[in-house]
């Protein structure tokens, strides 16, 4: 893996919303809402910036204290959602379990599956098999 994360830019539709970012992945048909910290880290991830520098940039941009552990959590979540082309190796001794123990653990990214056209058609009109008609 790379030494610094690089954000994926292909096949994404990005909408800025205040200090958050809404990203629609046209490959996976998923919509992601990035918190201000995750959005700042994703925007600054150009493959040249270290994780500690990303944390400092996120703090400067959002005003929310972002330490290296929070930056790693954001990187983990971005990577899990395929929003990074490259991601750095986590330093030895910094596991996800340790992040949770440090009080990290609240998600920085919320993801919603978007129905494909075929799936949406299979539900039928509301009142038959649609969400309101399901019992």
Foldseek 3Di string as FASTA:
>chain_A
DAQFWAFDDPQWDWDDDPLWIWIQRNVQQKIKIAANLLSQLNVPGHRPDHLQRSQVSSCVVPVDRGGSLNSVLSLVVCVVVVRIPDHRDDDPPRDPVVSVVVVDDPDRMDMDHHDDPVRVVVCPDPCPNHPNVDD
